[in-house]
Amino acid sequence: VAQVTGRVRWRESVLAMRADGVGHFV
């Protein structure tokens, strides 16, 4: 629901996944 008006934090999402150990994005 919040996403409709909220910011798409894609850059931060990718950095968060990287920090959690993701090396491969498909």
Full PDB file with SEQRES, HELIX, SHEET, SSBOND, CRYST1, ORIGX, SCALE, CONECT and MASTER records, all heavy atoms in Angstrom:
SEQRES   1 A   26  VAL ALA GLN VAL THR GLY ARG VAL ARG TRP ARG GLU SER          
SEQRES   2 A   26  VAL LEU ALA MET ARG ALA ASP GLY VAL GLY HIS PHE VAL          
HELIX    1 AA1 ALA A    2  THR A    5  1                                   4    
HELIX    2 AA2 TRP A   10  ALA A   19  1                                  10    
CRYST1    1.000    1.000    1.000  90.00  90.00  90.00 P 1           1          
ORIGX1      1.000000  0.000000  0.000000        0.00000                         
ORIGX2      0.000000  1.000000  0.000000        0.00000                         
ORIGX3      0.000000  0.000000  1.000000        0.00000                         
SCALE1      1.000000  0.000000  0.000000        0.00000                         
SCALE2      0.000000  1.000000  0.000000        0.00000                         
SCALE3      0.000000  0.000000  1.000000        0.00000                         
ATOM      1  N   VAL A   1       0.849  -1.196   0.000  1.00  0.00           N  
ATOM      2  CA  VAL A   1       0.000   0.000   0.000  1.00  0.00           C  
ATOM      3  C   VAL A   1       0.885   1.247   0.000  1.00  0.00           C  
ATOM      4  O   VAL A   1       0.677   2.185  -0.790  1.00  0.00           O  
ATOM      5  CB  VAL A   1      -0.944   0.004   1.218  1.00  0.00           C  
ATOM      6  CG1 VAL A   1      -1.751   1.296   1.261  1.00  0.00           C  
ATOM      7  CG2 VAL A   1      -1.879  -1.205   1.178  1.00  0.00           C  
ATOM      8  N   ALA A   2       1.896   1.246   0.852  1.00  0.00           N  
ATOM      9  CA  ALA A   2       2.807   2.390   0.929  1.00  0.00           C  
ATOM     10  C   ALA A   2       3.566   2.598  -0.381  1.00  0.00           C  
ATOM     11  O   ALA A   2       3.930   3.726  -0.728  1.00  0.00           O  
ATOM     12  CB  ALA A   2       3.798   2.183   2.075  1.00  0.00           C  
ATOM     13  N   GLN A   3       3.784   1.512  -1.095  1.00  0.00           N  
ATOM     14  CA  GLN A   3       4.549   1.568  -2.349  1.00  0.00           C  
ATOM     15  C   GLN A   3       3.887   2.447  -3.416  1.00  0.00           C  
ATOM     16  O   GLN A   3       4.559   3.027  -4.260  1.00  0.00           O  
ATOM     17  CB  GLN A   3       4.730   0.129  -2.881  1.00  0.00           C  
ATOM     18  CG  GLN A   3       5.717  -0.019  -4.018  1.00  0.00           C  
ATOM     19  CD  GLN A   3       5.211  -0.972  -5.067  1.00  0.00           C  
ATOM     20  OE1 GLN A   3       4.146  -0.771  -5.634  1.00  0.00           O  
ATOM     21  NE2 GLN A   3       5.984  -2.016  -5.336  1.00  0.00           N  
ATOM     22  N   VAL A   4       2.564   2.571  -3.386  1.00  0.00           N  
ATOM     23  CA  VAL A   4       1.848   3.328  -4.419  1.00  0.00           C  
ATOM     24  C   VAL A   4       2.271   4.800  -4.405  1.00  0.00           C  
ATOM     25  O   VAL A   4       2.449   5.418  -5.454  1.00  0.00           O  
ATOM     26  CB  VAL A   4       0.320   3.197  -4.249  1.00  0.00           C  
ATOM     27  CG1 VAL A   4      -0.415   4.005  -5.319  1.00  0.00           C  
ATOM     28  CG2 VAL A   4      -0.102   1.729  -4.319  1.00  0.00           C  
ATOM     29  N   THR A   5       2.429   5.357  -3.206  1.00  0.00           N  
ATOM     30  CA  THR A   5       2.844   6.756  -3.079  1.00  0.00           C  
ATOM     31  C   THR A   5       4.328   6.885  -2.753  1.00  0.00           C  
ATOM     32  O   THR A   5       4.895   7.974  -2.834  1.00  0.00           O  
ATOM     33  CB  THR A   5       2.046   7.470  -1.967  1.00  0.00           C  
ATOM     34  OG1 THR A   5       2.216   6.735  -0.742  1.00  0.00           O  
ATOM     35  CG2 THR A   5       0.570   7.554  -2.308  1.00  0.00           C  
ATOM     36  N   GLY A   6       4.951   5.776  -2.361  1.00  0.00           N  
ATOM     37  CA  GLY A   6       6.319   5.817  -1.860  1.00  0.00           C  
ATOM     38  C   GLY A   6       7.383   5.690  -2.945  1.00  0.00           C  
ATOM     39  O   GLY A   6       7.105   5.331  -4.088  1.00  0.00           O  
ATOM     40  N   ARG A   7       8.604   5.958  -2.543  1.00  0.00           N  
ATOM     41  CA  ARG A   7       9.742   5.901  -3.458  1.00  0.00           C  
ATOM     42  C   ARG A   7      10.155   4.459  -3.728  1.00  0.00           C  
ATOM     43  O   ARG A   7      10.187   3.627  -2.822  1.00  0.00           O  
ATOM     44  CB  ARG A   7      10.922   6.652  -2.842  1.00  0.00           C  
ATOM     45  CG  ARG A   7      12.172   6.700  -3.709  1.00  0.00           C  
ATOM     46  CD  ARG A   7      13.307   7.426  -3.010  1.00  0.00           C  
ATOM     47  NE  ARG A   7      12.895   8.762  -2.584  1.00  0.00           N  
ATOM     48  CZ  ARG A   7      13.656   9.563  -1.829  1.00  0.00           C  
ATOM     49  NH1 ARG A   7      14.838   9.155  -1.424  1.00  0.00           N  
ATOM     50  NH2 ARG A   7      13.213  10.757  -1.496  1.00  0.00           N  
ATOM     51  N   VAL A   8      10.476   4.169  -4.994  1.00  0.00           N  
ATOM     52  CA  VAL A   8      11.065   2.879  -5.356  1.00  0.00           C  
ATOM     53  C   VAL A   8      12.565   2.982  -5.065  1.00  0.00           C  
ATOM     54  O   VAL A   8      13.315   3.619  -5.808  1.00  0.00           O  
ATOM     55  CB  VAL A   8      10.822   2.545  -6.842  1.00  0.00           C  
ATOM     56  CG1 VAL A   8      11.518   1.239  -7.219  1.00  0.00           C  
ATOM     57  CG2 VAL A   8       9.331   2.447  -7.125  1.00  0.00           C  
ATOM     58  N   ARG A   9      12.996   2.351  -3.992  1.00  0.00           N  
ATOM     59  CA  ARG A   9      14.396   2.438  -3.565  1.00  0.00           C  
ATOM     60  C   ARG A   9      15.200   1.284  -4.189  1.00  0.00           C  
ATOM     61  O   ARG A   9      15.719   0.412  -3.484  1.00  0.00           O  
ATOM     62  CB  ARG A   9      14.477   2.412  -2.040  1.00  0.00           C  
ATOM     63  CG  ARG A   9      13.757   3.581  -1.376  1.00  0.00           C  
ATOM     64  CD  ARG A   9      13.803   3.519   0.144  1.00  0.00           C  
ATOM     65  NE  ARG A   9      13.043   4.602   0.734  1.00  0.00           N  
ATOM     66  CZ  ARG A   9      13.528   5.810   1.025  1.00  0.00           C  
ATOM     67  NH1 ARG A   9      14.798   6.076   0.773  1.00  0.00           N  
ATOM     68  NH2 ARG A   9      12.751   6.737   1.555  1.00  0.00           N  
ATOM     69  N   TRP A  10      15.284   1.314  -5.509  1.00  0.00           N  
ATOM     70  CA  TRP A  10      15.925   0.189  -6.189  1.00  0.00           C  
ATOM     71  C   TRP A  10      17.433   0.138  -5.926  1.00  0.00           C  
ATOM     72  O   TRP A  10      17.992  -0.914  -5.655  1.00  0.00           O  
ATOM     73  CB  TRP A  10      15.641   0.234  -7.695  1.00  0.00           C  
ATOM     74  CG  TRP A  10      16.195  -0.973  -8.379  1.00  0.00           C  
ATOM     75  CD1 TRP A  10      17.263  -1.050  -9.217  1.00  0.00           C  
ATOM     76  CD2 TRP A  10      15.726  -2.326  -8.220  1.00  0.00           C  
ATOM     77  NE1 TRP A  10      17.486  -2.347  -9.602  1.00  0.00           N  
ATOM     78  CE2 TRP A  10      16.563  -3.149  -8.996  1.00  0.00           C  
ATOM     79  CE3 TRP A  10      14.694  -2.909  -7.483  1.00  0.00           C  
ATOM     80  CZ2 TRP A  10      16.390  -4.528  -9.068  1.00  0.00           C  
ATOM     81  CZ3 TRP A  10      14.523  -4.288  -7.558  1.00  0.00           C  
ATOM     82  CH2 TRP A  10      15.360  -5.080  -8.338  1.00  0.00           C  
ATOM     83  N   ARG A  11      18.087   1.280  -6.008  1.00  0.00           N  
ATOM     84  CA  ARG A  11      19.538   1.316  -5.755  1.00  0.00           C  
ATOM     85  C   ARG A  11      19.844   0.780  -4.355  1.00  0.00           C  
ATOM     86  O   ARG A  11      20.728  -0.070  -4.182  1.00  0.00           O  
ATOM     87  CB  ARG A  11      20.052   2.762  -5.900  1.00  0.00           C  
ATOM     88  CG  ARG A  11      21.545   2.934  -5.622  1.00  0.00           C  
ATOM     89  CD  ARG A  11      21.947   4.401  -5.693  1.00  0.00           C  
ATOM     90  NE  ARG A  11      21.225   5.215  -4.739  1.00  0.00           N  
ATOM     91  CZ  ARG A  11      21.571   5.376  -3.451  1.00  0.00           C  
ATOM     92  NH1 ARG A  11      22.651   4.772  -2.970  1.00  0.00           N  
ATOM     93  NH2 ARG A  11      20.843   6.140  -2.658  1.00  0.00           N  
ATOM     94  N   GLU A  12      19.083   1.257  -3.372  1.00  0.00           N  
ATOM     95  CA  GLU A  12      19.301   0.806  -1.995  1.00  0.00           C  
ATOM     96  C   GLU A  12      18.968  -0.678  -1.834  1.00  0.00           C  
ATOM     97  O   GLU A  12      19.619  -1.385  -1.054  1.00  0.00           O  
ATOM     98  CB  GLU A  12      18.457   1.638  -1.037  1.00  0.00           C  
ATOM     99  CG  GLU A  12      18.846   3.098  -0.951  1.00  0.00           C  
ATOM    100  CD  GLU A  12      17.876   3.882  -0.094  1.00  0.00           C  
ATOM    101  OE1 GLU A  12      17.843   3.653   1.128  1.00  0.00           O  
ATOM    102  OE2 GLU A  12      17.125   4.721  -0.643  1.00  0.00           O  
ATOM    103  N   SER A  13      17.952  -1.151  -2.555  1.00  0.00           N  
ATOM    104  CA  SER A  13      17.575  -2.570  -2.479  1.00  0.00           C  
ATOM    105  C   SER A  13      18.708  -3.459  -2.980  1.00  0.00           C  
ATOM    106  O   SER A  13      19.028  -4.485  -2.363  1.00  0.00           O  
ATOM    107  CB  SER A  13      16.305  -2.831  -3.302  1.00  0.00           C  
ATOM    108  OG  SER A  13      15.200  -2.128  -2.774  1.00  0.00           O  
ATOM    109  N   VAL A  14      19.297  -3.061  -4.113  1.00  0.00           N  
ATOM    110  CA  VAL A  14      20.411  -3.842  -4.661  1.00  0.00           C  
ATOM    111  C   VAL A  14      21.590  -3.832  -3.693  1.00  0.00           C  
ATOM    112  O   VAL A  14      22.212  -4.875  -3.437  1.00  0.00           O  
ATOM    113  CB  VAL A  14      20.827  -3.301  -6.046  1.00  0.00           C  
ATOM    114  CG1 VAL A  14      22.114  -3.965  -6.537  1.00  0.00           C  
ATOM    115  CG2 VAL A  14      19.700  -3.525  -7.058  1.00  0.00           C  
ATOM    116  N   LEU A  15      21.902  -2.679  -3.126  1.00  0.00           N  
ATOM    117  CA  LEU A  15      23.003  -2.599  -2.164  1.00  0.00           C  
ATOM    118  C   LEU A  15      22.711  -3.444  -0.928  1.00  0.00           C  
ATOM    119  O   LEU A  15      23.626  -4.080  -0.374  1.00  0.00           O  
ATOM    120  CB  LEU A  15      23.250  -1.137  -1.767  1.00  0.00           C  
ATOM    121  CG  LEU A  15      23.821  -0.231  -2.863  1.00  0.00           C  
ATOM    122  CD1 LEU A  15      23.900   1.215  -2.378  1.00  0.00           C  
ATOM    123  CD2 LEU A  15      25.197  -0.715  -3.321  1.00  0.00           C  
ATOM    124  N   ALA A  16      21.441  -3.468  -0.500  1.00  0.00           N  
ATOM    125  CA  ALA A  16      21.076  -4.293   0.659  1.00  0.00           C  
ATOM    126  C   ALA A  16      21.245  -5.777   0.352  1.00  0.00           C  
ATOM    127  O   ALA A  16      21.763  -6.544   1.185  1.00  0.00           O  
ATOM    128  CB  ALA A  16      19.636  -3.995   1.070  1.00  0.00           C  
ATOM    129  N   MET A  17      20.828  -6.193  -0.850  1.00  0.00           N  
ATOM    130  CA  MET A  17      21.004  -7.593  -1.238  1.00  0.00           C  
ATOM    131  C   MET A  17      22.481  -7.946  -1.340  1.00  0.00           C  
ATOM    132  O   MET A  17      22.911  -9.028  -0.906  1.00  0.00           O  
ATOM    133  CB  MET A  17      20.269  -7.873  -2.555  1.00  0.00           C  
ATOM    134  CG  MET A  17      18.753  -7.947  -2.395  1.00  0.00           C  
ATOM    135  SD  MET A  17      17.864  -8.378  -3.925  1.00  0.00           S  
ATOM    136  CE  MET A  17      17.629  -6.745  -4.654  1.00  0.00           C  
ATOM    137  N   ARG A  18      23.267  -7.043  -1.896  1.00  0.00           N  
ATOM    138  CA  ARG A  18      24.716  -7.268  -1.983  1.00  0.00           C  
ATOM    139  C   ARG A  18      25.316  -7.414  -0.589  1.00  0.00           C  
ATOM    140  O   ARG A  18      26.130  -8.303  -0.341  1.00  0.00           O  
ATOM    141  CB  ARG A  18      25.382  -6.115  -2.746  1.00  0.00           C  
ATOM    142  CG  ARG A  18      25.086  -6.096  -4.221  1.00  0.00           C  
ATOM    143  CD  ARG A  18      25.786  -7.226  -4.965  1.00  0.00           C  
ATOM    144  NE  ARG A  18      27.199  -6.936  -5.184  1.00  0.00           N  
ATOM    145  CZ  ARG A  18      28.160  -7.863  -5.236  1.00  0.00           C  
ATOM    146  NH1 ARG A  18      27.861  -9.134  -5.059  1.00  0.00           N  
ATOM    147  NH2 ARG A  18      29.415  -7.536  -5.461  1.00  0.00           N  
ATOM    148  N   ALA A  19      24.915  -6.543   0.322  1.00  0.00           N  
ATOM    149  CA  ALA A  19      25.435  -6.590   1.695  1.00  0.00           C  
ATOM    150  C   ALA A  19      25.050  -7.891   2.389  1.00  0.00           C  
ATOM    151  O   ALA A  19      25.796  -8.394   3.250  1.00  0.00           O  
ATOM    152  CB  ALA A  19      24.906  -5.395   2.490  1.00  0.00           C  
ATOM    153  N   ASP A  20      23.911  -8.452   2.001  1.00  0.00           N  
ATOM    154  CA  ASP A  20      23.455  -9.715   2.592  1.00  0.00           C  
ATOM    155  C   ASP A  20      24.050 -10.939   1.896  1.00  0.00           C  
ATOM    156  O   ASP A  20      23.704 -12.077   2.239  1.00  0.00           O  
ATOM    157  CB  ASP A  20      21.924  -9.790   2.557  1.00  0.00           C  
ATOM    158  CG  ASP A  20      21.277  -8.828   3.549  1.00  0.00           C  
ATOM    159  OD1 ASP A  20      21.991  -8.339   4.455  1.00  0.00           O  
ATOM    160  OD2 ASP A  20      20.069  -8.553   3.422  1.00  0.00           O  
ATOM    161  N   GLY A  21      24.896 -10.693   0.888  1.00  0.00           N  
ATOM    162  CA  GLY A  21      25.624 -11.806   0.275  1.00  0.00           C  
ATOM    163  C   GLY A  21      25.201 -12.208  -1.116  1.00  0.00           C  
ATOM    164  O   GLY A  21      25.714 -13.196  -1.660  1.00  0.00           O  
ATOM    165  N   VAL A  22      24.261 -11.477  -1.726  1.00  0.00           N  
ATOM    166  CA  VAL A  22      23.836 -11.819  -3.086  1.00  0.00           C  
ATOM    167  C   VAL A  22      24.940 -11.427  -4.074  1.00  0.00           C  
ATOM    168  O   VAL A  22      25.376 -10.277  -4.104  1.00  0.00           O  
ATOM    169  CB  VAL A  22      22.511 -11.117  -3.458  1.00  0.00           C  
ATOM    170  CG1 VAL A  22      22.178 -11.338  -4.936  1.00  0.00           C  
ATOM    171  CG2 VAL A  22      21.371 -11.631  -2.578  1.00  0.00           C  
ATOM    172  N   GLY A  23      25.365 -12.394  -4.890  1.00  0.00           N  
ATOM    173  CA  GLY A  23      26.384 -12.127  -5.892  1.00  0.00           C  
ATOM    174  C   GLY A  23      25.860 -12.182  -7.312  1.00  0.00           C  
ATOM    175  O   GLY A  23      26.470 -11.643  -8.231  1.00  0.00           O  
ATOM    176  N   HIS A  24      24.716 -12.858  -7.498  1.00  0.00           N  
ATOM    177  CA  HIS A  24      24.170 -13.092  -8.828  1.00  0.00           C  
ATOM    178  C   HIS A  24      22.707 -12.646  -8.870  1.00  0.00           C  
ATOM    179  O   HIS A  24      21.894 -13.096  -8.054  1.00  0.00           O  
ATOM    180  CB  HIS A  24      24.280 -14.585  -9.181  1.00  0.00           C  
ATOM    181  CG  HIS A  24      23.919 -14.907 -10.597  1.00  0.00           C  
ATOM    182  ND1 HIS A  24      23.707 -16.200 -11.016  1.00  0.00           N  
ATOM    183  CD2 HIS A  24      23.726 -14.125 -11.689  1.00  0.00           C  
ATOM    184  CE1 HIS A  24      23.409 -16.192 -12.309  1.00  0.00           C  
ATOM    185  NE2 HIS A  24      23.417 -14.935 -12.730  1.00  0.00           N  
ATOM    186  N   PHE A  25      22.378 -11.753  -9.800  1.00  0.00           N  
ATOM    187  CA  PHE A  25      21.012 -11.266  -9.982  1.00  0.00           C  
ATOM    188  C   PHE A  25      20.487 -11.785 -11.315  1.00  0.00           C  
ATOM    189  O   PHE A  25      21.104 -11.563 -12.357  1.00  0.00           O  
ATOM    190  CB  PHE A  25      20.988  -9.736  -9.988  1.00  0.00           C  
ATOM    191  CG  PHE A  25      21.369  -9.113  -8.676  1.00  0.00           C  
ATOM    192  CD1 PHE A  25      22.707  -8.936  -8.337  1.00  0.00           C  
ATOM    193  CD2 PHE A  25      20.402  -8.695  -7.772  1.00  0.00           C  
ATOM    194  CE1 PHE A  25      23.084  -8.352  -7.137  1.00  0.00           C  
ATOM    195  CE2 PHE A  25      20.759  -8.113  -6.558  1.00  0.00           C  
ATOM    196  CZ  PHE A  25      22.102  -7.944  -6.241  1.00  0.00           C  
ATOM    197  N   VAL A  26      19.335 -12.457 -11.282  1.00  0.00           N  
ATOM    198  CA  VAL A  26      18.747 -13.044 -12.483  1.00  0.00           C  
ATOM    199  C   VAL A  26      17.430 -12.335 -12.768  1.00  0.00           C  
ATOM    200  O   VAL A  26      16.473 -12.431 -11.992  1.00  0.00           O  
ATOM    201  CB  VAL A  26      18.501 -14.561 -12.309  1.00  0.00           C  
ATOM    202  CG1 VAL A  26      17.938 -15.157 -13.597  1.00  0.00           C  
ATOM    203  CG2 VAL A  26      19.788 -15.270 -11.909  1.00  0.00           C  
TER     204      VAL A  26                                                      
MASTER        0    0    0    2    0    0    0    6  203    1    0    2          
END                                                                             
